[in-house]
Protein backbone atom coordinates (compact mmCIF):
# COMPACT_ATOMS: atom_id res chain seq x y z
CA MET A 1 -4.12 -7.43 -34.46
CA PHE A 2 -3.85 -5.26 -31.37
CA VAL A 3 -4.92 -7.20 -28.27
CA ASP A 4 -4.99 -5.46 -24.90
CA VAL A 5 -6.94 -7.91 -22.71
CA ALA A 6 -6.20 -11.62 -22.22
CA LYS A 7 -7.15 -14.33 -19.73
CA ILE A 8 -4.74 -17.12 -18.90
CA LYS A 9 -4.20 -19.79 -16.27
CA ILE A 10 -0.94 -19.88 -14.34
CA ILE A 11 0.23 -22.85 -12.30
CA ALA A 12 3.26 -22.75 -10.04
CA GLY A 13 5.12 -26.00 -9.46
CA ASP A 14 4.27 -28.23 -6.51
CA GLY A 15 6.94 -28.83 -3.90
CA GLY A 16 8.64 -32.22 -4.01
CA ASP A 17 7.79 -34.81 -1.38
CA GLY A 18 10.08 -35.53 1.53
CA ALA A 19 11.79 -38.94 1.47
CA VAL A 20 11.43 -41.84 3.90
CA ALA A 21 14.87 -43.45 4.10
CA PHE A 22 17.23 -44.97 6.67
CA HIS A 23 20.98 -44.89 6.77
CA ARG A 24 22.41 -48.26 5.81
CA GLU A 25 26.14 -48.76 6.00
CA LYS A 26 28.24 -51.79 6.69
CA TYR A 27 29.29 -52.04 10.34
CA VAL A 28 26.93 -49.13 11.27
CA ALA A 29 23.98 -50.44 13.27
CA ALA A 30 20.71 -48.51 13.46
CA GLY A 31 21.93 -45.72 11.21
CA GLY A 32 18.71 -43.81 11.74
CA PRO A 33 16.44 -41.85 9.43
CA ASP A 34 18.13 -39.89 6.67
CA GLY A 35 15.35 -39.00 4.22
CA GLY A 36 15.97 -35.64 2.54
CA ASP A 37 13.55 -32.80 1.90
CA GLY A 38 11.70 -32.24 -1.35
CA GLY A 39 12.75 -29.41 -3.63
CA LYS A 40 10.80 -26.17 -3.93
CA GLY A 41 8.37 -25.87 -6.82
CA GLY A 42 9.10 -23.33 -9.53
CA SER A 43 7.30 -19.98 -9.40
CA VAL A 44 5.58 -18.16 -12.27
CA ILE A 45 7.36 -14.82 -12.71
CA PHE A 46 6.24 -11.99 -14.97
CA LYS A 47 8.81 -9.77 -16.63
CA VAL A 48 8.46 -6.77 -18.95
CA SER A 49 9.78 -7.24 -22.47
CA PRO A 50 10.69 -4.17 -24.55
CA HIS A 51 9.91 -6.21 -27.67
CA LEU A 52 6.21 -6.67 -26.88
CA SER A 53 3.53 -4.05 -27.45
CA THR A 54 0.36 -6.17 -27.35
CA LEU A 55 -1.02 -9.23 -25.54
CA ALA A 56 -1.59 -11.07 -28.83
CA ASP A 57 0.67 -13.99 -27.89
CA PHE A 58 -1.68 -14.89 -25.05
CA ARG A 59 -4.52 -15.57 -27.49
CA TYR A 60 -2.84 -18.79 -28.58
CA LYS A 61 -1.35 -20.06 -25.34
CA ARG A 62 -3.63 -19.93 -22.32
CA LYS A 63 -1.89 -22.15 -19.76
CA TYR A 64 1.50 -21.47 -18.15
CA ALA A 65 2.94 -23.99 -15.70
CA ALA A 66 6.24 -23.97 -13.81
CA GLN A 67 8.23 -27.08 -12.95
CA ARG A 68 7.57 -29.31 -9.95
CA GLY A 69 10.27 -29.75 -7.30
CA GLU A 70 12.03 -33.11 -7.14
CA ASN A 71 11.35 -35.49 -4.29
CA GLY A 72 13.91 -35.80 -1.50
CA LYS A 73 16.51 -38.55 -1.57
CA SER A 74 18.35 -40.72 0.90
CA ASP A 75 21.48 -39.51 2.72
CA ARG A 76 19.50 -36.36 3.58
CA ARG A 77 19.83 -35.10 0.02
CA THR A 78 17.35 -32.40 -0.90
CA GLY A 79 15.51 -32.75 -4.19
CA LYS A 80 16.29 -30.28 -6.96
CA ASN A 81 14.18 -27.13 -7.01
CA GLY A 82 11.76 -26.79 -9.91
CA ALA A 83 12.71 -24.20 -12.54
CA ASP A 84 10.86 -20.89 -12.42
CA LEU A 85 8.77 -19.99 -15.46
CA ILE A 86 9.41 -16.50 -16.88
CA VAL A 87 6.43 -14.99 -18.71
CA GLU A 88 7.16 -11.85 -20.74
CA VAL A 89 4.51 -9.13 -21.01
CA PRO A 90 4.43 -5.62 -22.51
CA LEU A 91 5.15 -2.58 -20.37
CA GLY A 92 2.00 -1.32 -18.66
CA THR A 93 0.32 -4.70 -18.17
CA VAL A 94 -1.90 -4.90 -15.09
CA VAL A 95 -2.32 -8.43 -13.71
CA ARG A 96 -5.58 -9.21 -11.89
CA ASP A 97 -7.02 -12.28 -10.22
CA THR A 98 -9.87 -13.13 -12.59
CA GLU A 99 -12.15 -14.44 -9.86
CA THR A 100 -11.87 -11.54 -7.40
CA GLY A 101 -10.60 -8.66 -9.56
CA ARG A 102 -7.74 -8.12 -7.09
CA ILE A 103 -4.67 -6.42 -8.58
CA ILE A 104 -1.73 -8.78 -8.25
CA ALA A 105 0.89 -6.68 -10.03
CA ASP A 106 1.37 -3.63 -12.23
CA MET A 107 4.14 -4.35 -14.74
CA SER A 108 5.22 -0.74 -15.13
CA ASP A 109 8.97 -1.12 -14.62
CA ASP A 110 11.80 -3.55 -15.30
CA GLU A 111 11.48 -5.38 -11.98
CA PRO A 112 10.30 -9.01 -12.38
CA LYS A 113 7.35 -9.91 -10.16
CA VAL A 114 6.40 -13.30 -8.72
CA ILE A 115 2.75 -13.84 -9.63
CA ALA A 116 2.30 -17.44 -8.43
CA LYS A 117 4.63 -18.92 -5.81
CA GLY A 118 5.92 -22.45 -6.04
CA GLY A 119 5.04 -24.93 -3.33
CA ARG A 120 7.40 -25.68 -0.47
CA GLY A 121 9.25 -28.97 -0.42
CA GLY A 122 8.05 -31.54 2.09
CA TRP A 123 10.23 -32.57 5.02
CA GLY A 124 12.03 -35.89 4.90
CA ASN A 125 11.73 -38.31 7.80
CA SER A 126 15.04 -37.13 9.24
CA HIS A 127 13.15 -34.09 10.61
CA PHE A 128 10.82 -36.23 12.69
CA ALA A 129 13.31 -38.18 14.78
CA THR A 130 12.91 -37.53 18.50
CA PRO A 131 14.11 -39.37 21.62
CA THR A 132 10.73 -41.11 21.75
CA ARG A 133 10.30 -41.50 17.98
CA GLN A 134 13.62 -42.85 16.77
CA VAL A 135 12.38 -44.62 13.64
CA PRO A 136 9.88 -42.29 11.95
CA ARG A 137 8.48 -44.06 8.90
CA PHE A 138 6.76 -41.06 7.41
CA ALA A 139 7.62 -37.82 5.64
CA LYS A 140 5.66 -34.79 4.50
CA PRO A 141 4.42 -34.23 0.98
CA GLY A 142 5.30 -30.99 -0.75
CA THR A 143 2.73 -28.21 -0.71
CA PRO A 144 0.90 -27.39 -3.94
CA GLY A 145 2.03 -24.39 -5.94
CA GLU A 146 -0.35 -21.47 -6.34
CA SER A 147 -2.73 -21.81 -9.25
CA PHE A 148 -5.36 -19.39 -10.51
CA ASP A 149 -6.74 -17.63 -13.56
CA VAL A 150 -5.44 -14.13 -14.21
CA THR A 151 -6.66 -11.35 -16.47
CA LEU A 152 -4.00 -9.31 -18.23
CA GLU A 153 -4.98 -5.77 -19.12
CA LEU A 154 -2.64 -3.50 -21.06
CA LYS A 155 -2.85 0.14 -19.97
CA LEU A 156 -0.36 2.25 -21.89
CA LEU A 157 2.13 4.30 -19.91
CA ALA A 158 1.68 7.72 -21.48
CA ASP A 159 1.89 11.20 -19.98
CA VAL A 160 -0.49 12.75 -22.51
CA GLY A 161 -3.51 11.18 -24.18
CA LEU A 162 -4.93 12.58 -27.42
CA VAL A 163 -8.69 12.10 -27.48
CA GLY A 164 -11.37 13.08 -29.97
CA PHE A 165 -13.52 11.78 -32.80
CA PRO A 166 -11.91 9.86 -35.68
CA ASN A 167 -10.35 11.95 -38.44
CA VAL A 168 -9.93 15.13 -36.37
CA GLY A 169 -6.13 15.20 -36.64
CA LYS A 170 -4.78 13.23 -33.67
CA SER A 171 -2.44 11.16 -35.84
CA SER A 172 -1.28 14.25 -37.71
CA LEU A 173 -0.41 15.98 -34.44
CA ILE A 174 1.57 13.10 -32.97
CA SER A 175 3.43 12.65 -36.26
CA VAL A 176 4.71 16.27 -36.30
CA VAL A 177 5.71 16.47 -32.62
CA SER A 178 7.39 13.06 -32.25
CA GLU A 179 9.12 10.33 -34.25
CA ALA A 180 5.91 8.25 -34.34
CA LYS A 181 4.69 7.49 -37.86
CA PRO A 182 1.04 6.49 -37.67
CA ALA A 183 -1.03 5.86 -40.78
CA ILE A 184 -2.76 9.10 -41.78
CA GLY A 185 -5.77 9.16 -44.09
CA ASN A 186 -8.88 11.21 -44.70
CA TYR A 187 -11.27 8.54 -43.47
CA HIS A 188 -12.51 7.13 -40.16
CA PHE A 189 -10.50 4.63 -38.18
CA THR A 190 -7.27 5.11 -40.10
CA THR A 191 -5.62 4.41 -36.75
CA LEU A 192 -6.60 0.96 -35.47
CA THR A 193 -4.11 0.68 -32.60
CA PRO A 194 -2.90 3.16 -29.97
CA VAL A 195 0.22 4.99 -31.13
CA LEU A 196 2.92 6.14 -28.72
CA GLY A 197 5.40 8.90 -29.47
CA VAL A 198 8.12 10.55 -27.40
CA VAL A 199 8.03 14.34 -27.55
CA SER A 200 11.55 15.75 -27.03
CA ARG A 201 11.65 18.97 -25.04
CA GLY A 202 15.16 18.91 -23.61
CA GLU A 203 16.76 17.04 -20.76
CA GLY A 204 14.28 16.07 -18.06
CA ARG A 205 11.30 17.51 -19.99
CA ASN A 206 10.58 14.79 -22.54
CA PHE A 207 7.20 13.09 -22.34
CA VAL A 208 5.22 10.29 -23.95
CA MET A 209 2.12 11.10 -25.98
CA ALA A 210 -0.50 8.52 -26.98
CA ASP A 211 -2.98 8.73 -29.85
CA ILE A 212 -6.10 6.99 -28.48
CA PRO A 213 -8.11 5.86 -31.53
CA GLY A 214 -11.69 4.94 -32.14
CA LEU A 215 -13.70 7.23 -29.86
CA ILE A 216 -17.26 7.91 -31.01
CA GLU A 217 -20.61 8.31 -29.29
CA GLY A 218 -21.32 5.11 -27.38
CA ALA A 219 -17.63 4.18 -27.10
CA SER A 220 -17.97 3.46 -23.37
CA ASP A 221 -20.73 0.95 -24.22
CA GLY A 222 -18.72 -0.77 -26.95
CA ALA A 223 -19.49 1.28 -30.05
CA GLY A 224 -16.73 1.76 -32.61
CA LEU A 225 -13.24 0.89 -31.39
CA GLY A 226 -13.43 3.01 -28.25
CA HIS A 227 -14.38 0.23 -25.84
CA GLN A 228 -11.05 -1.42 -26.68
CA PHE A 229 -8.93 1.66 -26.10
CA LEU A 230 -10.57 3.86 -23.46
CA ARG A 231 -8.63 1.95 -20.79
CA HIS A 232 -5.42 3.44 -22.17
CA VAL A 233 -6.52 6.92 -21.10
CA ASP A 234 -6.64 5.78 -17.46
CA ARG A 235 -2.97 6.43 -16.75
CA CYS A 236 -2.57 9.67 -18.71
CA ARG A 237 -1.67 12.66 -16.55
CA LEU A 238 -3.07 15.15 -19.05
CA LEU A 239 -5.60 14.95 -21.90
CA VAL A 240 -5.42 16.94 -25.12
CA HIS A 241 -8.88 17.00 -26.68
CA ILE A 242 -8.64 17.59 -30.42
CA VAL A 243 -11.77 18.83 -32.17
CA ASP A 244 -12.47 19.48 -35.85
CA ALA A 245 -13.26 23.17 -35.38
CA SER A 246 -14.46 23.49 -38.97
CA GLY A 247 -17.20 20.87 -38.64
CA SER A 248 -16.00 19.52 -41.98
CA GLU A 249 -17.96 16.29 -41.61
CA GLY A 250 -21.23 18.05 -40.91
CA ARG A 251 -21.03 17.78 -37.12
CA ASP A 252 -21.12 20.61 -34.61
CA PRO A 253 -17.68 21.01 -32.91
CA ILE A 254 -19.35 21.86 -29.59
CA GLU A 255 -21.48 18.71 -29.71
CA ASP A 256 -18.37 16.67 -30.60
CA PHE A 257 -16.53 18.06 -27.59
CA GLU A 258 -19.41 17.32 -25.23
CA THR A 259 -19.97 13.85 -26.64
CA ILE A 260 -16.39 12.68 -26.14
CA ASN A 261 -16.33 14.13 -22.61
CA ARG A 262 -19.50 12.20 -21.76
CA GLU A 263 -17.94 8.97 -22.99
CA LEU A 264 -14.82 9.55 -20.90
CA GLU A 265 -16.91 10.21 -17.80
CA LYS A 266 -19.13 7.17 -18.37
CA PHE A 267 -16.09 4.93 -18.74
CA ASN A 268 -14.36 6.29 -15.63
CA PRO A 269 -15.69 9.30 -13.66
CA GLU A 270 -12.13 10.13 -12.62
CA LEU A 271 -11.33 10.98 -16.25
CA ALA A 272 -13.77 13.89 -16.08
CA LYS A 273 -11.51 15.41 -13.42
CA ARG A 274 -8.28 14.89 -15.38
CA PRO A 275 -6.55 18.11 -16.57
CA MET A 276 -7.50 18.83 -20.19
CA ILE A 277 -6.33 21.21 -22.93
CA VAL A 278 -8.46 21.74 -26.04
CA ALA A 279 -7.03 22.08 -29.54
CA GLY A 280 -9.27 23.24 -32.41
CA ASN A 281 -7.84 21.73 -35.61
CA LYS A 282 -8.50 22.35 -39.33
CA LEU A 283 -8.61 26.16 -39.02
CA ASP A 284 -7.97 26.48 -42.74
CA MET A 285 -11.33 24.83 -43.47
CA ALA A 286 -13.42 26.92 -41.06
CA GLU A 287 -15.24 30.22 -41.22
CA ASP A 288 -14.22 32.93 -38.79
CA GLU A 289 -17.64 32.87 -37.13
CA GLN A 290 -17.34 29.12 -36.52
CA LEU A 291 -13.92 29.48 -34.93
CA GLU A 292 -14.96 32.38 -32.72
CA ARG A 293 -18.10 30.58 -31.52
CA PHE A 294 -16.18 27.40 -30.62
CA GLU A 295 -13.27 29.23 -28.97
CA ASN A 296 -15.62 31.33 -26.82
CA TYR A 297 -17.52 28.21 -25.73
CA ILE A 298 -14.33 26.34 -24.71
CA LYS A 299 -12.99 29.27 -22.73
CA GLU A 300 -16.35 29.69 -20.99
CA GLN A 301 -15.99 26.07 -19.83
CA GLY A 302 -12.66 27.00 -18.22
CA TYR A 303 -10.32 25.16 -20.60
CA GLU A 304 -7.19 26.51 -22.25
CA TYR A 305 -7.68 26.62 -26.01
CA PHE A 306 -5.22 26.44 -28.90
CA PRO A 307 -6.22 26.85 -32.57
CA ILE A 308 -3.96 24.69 -34.77
CA ILE A 309 -3.44 23.29 -38.25
CA ALA A 310 -1.65 20.07 -37.33
CA PRO A 311 -0.11 18.96 -40.68
CA ILE A 312 1.80 22.23 -41.12
CA LYS A 313 2.46 22.72 -37.37
CA HIS A 314 0.56 26.02 -37.26
CA GLY A 315 -0.01 26.81 -33.57
CA VAL A 316 1.47 23.45 -32.52
CA ASP A 317 4.52 24.87 -30.74
CA GLU A 318 2.31 26.98 -28.47
CA LEU A 319 0.20 23.92 -27.67
CA ILE A 320 3.21 21.73 -26.84
CA ASN A 321 4.78 24.48 -24.71
CA CYS A 322 1.60 24.59 -22.63
CA VAL A 323 1.51 20.78 -22.35
CA THR A 324 5.14 20.73 -21.18
CA GLU A 325 4.51 23.41 -18.58
CA LYS A 326 1.43 21.66 -17.18
CA LEU A 327 3.18 18.28 -16.98
CA SER A 328 5.96 19.81 -14.89
CA LYS A 329 3.37 20.51 -12.19
CA LEU A 330 1.47 17.21 -12.31
CA PRO A 331 2.22 13.98 -10.40
CA PRO A 332 3.91 11.13 -12.31
CA VAL A 333 2.06 8.53 -14.36
CA GLU A 334 -0.19 6.44 -12.14
CA ARG A 335 1.02 3.07 -10.95
CA TYR A 336 -1.42 0.57 -9.48
CA GLU A 337 -0.56 -0.87 -6.09
CA ALA A 338 -0.76 -4.62 -5.61
CA GLU A 339 -3.67 -5.51 -3.35
CA PRO A 340 -3.12 -7.96 -0.47
CA VAL A 341 -4.84 -11.32 -0.40
CA PRO A 342 -7.88 -10.88 1.87
CA MET A 343 -7.83 -12.99 5.03
CA PRO A 344 -10.71 -15.49 4.91
CA SER A 345 -13.17 -15.27 7.76
CA ALA A 346 -13.82 -18.18 10.10
CA GLU A 347 -17.33 -18.46 8.67
CA GLU A 348 -15.99 -18.78 5.11
CA MET A 349 -13.84 -21.73 6.19
CA SER A 350 -16.82 -23.70 7.51
CA GLY A 351 -17.37 -26.85 5.48
CA LYS A 352 -13.98 -26.79 3.74
CA GLN A 353 -12.57 -30.21 2.87
CA PHE A 354 -9.55 -31.59 4.72
CA ASN A 355 -7.93 -34.91 5.49
CA ILE A 356 -6.39 -36.22 8.74
CA ARG A 357 -3.97 -39.12 8.90
CA VAL A 358 -1.91 -40.41 11.81
CA GLU A 359 1.74 -41.37 11.34
CA ASP A 360 3.75 -42.59 14.36
CA GLY A 361 1.54 -40.61 16.71
CA VAL A 362 1.67 -37.39 14.63
CA TYR A 363 -1.73 -36.10 13.47
CA MET A 364 -1.23 -34.71 9.98
CA VAL A 365 -3.88 -32.34 8.64
CA GLU A 366 -3.96 -31.65 4.90
CA GLY A 367 -6.13 -29.44 2.70
CA GLU A 368 -5.04 -27.03 -0.04
CA TRP A 369 -7.06 -24.16 1.44
CA LEU A 370 -5.00 -24.44 4.64
CA ILE A 371 -1.89 -23.35 2.74
CA GLN A 372 -3.46 -19.94 2.07
CA VAL A 373 -4.53 -19.65 5.71
CA LEU A 374 -1.00 -20.42 6.95
CA LYS A 375 0.41 -17.66 4.72
CA SER A 376 -1.82 -15.09 6.42
CA VAL A 377 -0.97 -16.11 10.01
CA ASN A 378 1.78 -14.49 12.06
CA PHE A 379 2.60 -17.06 14.72
CA ASP A 380 4.40 -14.45 16.80
CA ASP A 381 1.25 -12.34 17.12
CA TYR A 382 -1.38 -13.24 19.73
CA GLU A 383 -4.36 -11.93 17.71
CA SER A 384 -3.19 -13.78 14.62
CA LEU A 385 -2.90 -16.99 16.64
CA GLN A 386 -6.44 -16.49 17.91
CA TYR A 387 -7.59 -16.11 14.30
CA PHE A 388 -5.82 -19.39 13.43
CA GLU A 389 -7.55 -21.15 16.33
CA ARG A 390 -10.95 -19.85 15.17
CA ILE A 391 -10.28 -21.20 11.69
CA LEU A 392 -9.38 -24.65 13.07
CA THR A 393 -12.54 -24.67 15.18
CA SER A 394 -15.02 -23.33 12.61
CA SER A 395 -13.72 -25.62 9.85
CA GLY A 396 -14.30 -28.68 12.04
CA ILE A 397 -10.61 -29.64 12.27
CA ILE A 398 -10.53 -29.57 16.09
CA ASP A 399 -13.60 -31.83 16.35
CA ALA A 400 -12.18 -34.17 13.71
CA LEU A 401 -8.89 -34.46 15.62
CA ARG A 402 -10.77 -35.41 18.78
CA GLU A 403 -12.77 -38.01 16.85
CA ALA A 404 -9.46 -39.41 15.54
CA GLY A 405 -8.35 -39.96 19.15
CA ILE A 406 -5.92 -37.11 19.73
CA LYS A 407 -4.85 -36.49 23.32
CA GLU A 408 -3.38 -33.58 25.23
CA LYS A 409 0.16 -32.70 24.01
CA ASP A 410 -0.02 -34.99 20.96
CA THR A 411 1.66 -33.41 17.93
CA VAL A 412 -0.44 -31.81 15.18
CA SER A 413 1.30 -31.18 11.85
CA ILE A 414 -0.20 -28.87 9.19
CA TYR A 415 2.30 -28.78 6.34
CA ASP A 416 5.40 -27.06 7.80
CA VAL A 417 3.69 -25.98 11.04
CA GLU A 418 3.73 -28.23 14.11
CA PHE A 419 2.21 -27.66 17.54
CA ASP A 420 1.08 -29.61 20.60
CA PHE A 421 -2.64 -30.19 20.91
CA VAL A 422 -4.32 -28.50 23.88
CA ASN A 423 -7.82 -29.41 24.95
């Protein structure tokens, strides 16, 4: 079964905890703290596999978790980093945050992409030794790895999309111009999955053509198979609209053409603006008056028109020459840019849960939401620091620190960020 949408949960590994340890060696008095740092948690990394063409594997496994980092050890030994988890996906997979719809990555090349980052390892107590705190009996826990639900959406990477009603000759055309061998039959929905074929036109002029199956009236609302496959037209630089010019199934070719165009526009208004060439197929089954009427209508609409008989390649070379020429002037296949994580406002942080504990005079503030805030703060930028201060105030952290007894110049520690408290 062809599957082009899947929802899964990904969990990066937590960072290992820092160790509380003291150097003990014969004849060495007061060896001092020597707890090591925790290891980094493993990340979840997506990578394109040339052996995958659908998202079917994700129907059976919905949870992907990377390894946790090891805790730190004595003698200032750092814990082992957790192993990254590599998740293979087909080329053209768009990864979105399910909750917000934000695009995290577009898997349209061979470059692996980190989707969920592993947590940082916590500091061991050796980091906290100062002239006034010579025996720190605390360490920092590792930070949690990123965890969220993602939606995978496969959008084929094709230069040209063949659109039209079922049984108009899309499969026949792609079979005679490329090495693709789709099932061809004189009945609806012979093609149940998108078919890709490479059309060879000489060095630097080859292009990928996709047969988009299952489009009928109502496809954009879920009728037929079209609601599954319309998304694959999104990336196509050029559309070739194939119409049964003979009306062999009792439909009017002009109405067919208008119907499919309406479905494309309803699904995505940008598709209505996409360059389109029209091919009238099944000439051998049509009357001259039918062909003339349809051709005149298409040309009046401003489209280039090519009459063809796909199975015997009649008129096909002229059509492909035009496609090749148009592609040479069009921008490359669309790639989706990853969208940045939006910075939460101070108001959104109000009421968030956090915990404060005091260790050897250090006020440690913990809360998973703070990790995301810290990632968005540039501590070398004055405006960013002001934003951080607003977050601490609006969330109630400043008031809670005062209630806990903090004084001027006491140390505040929020994961791997430390600063002196200022009233």
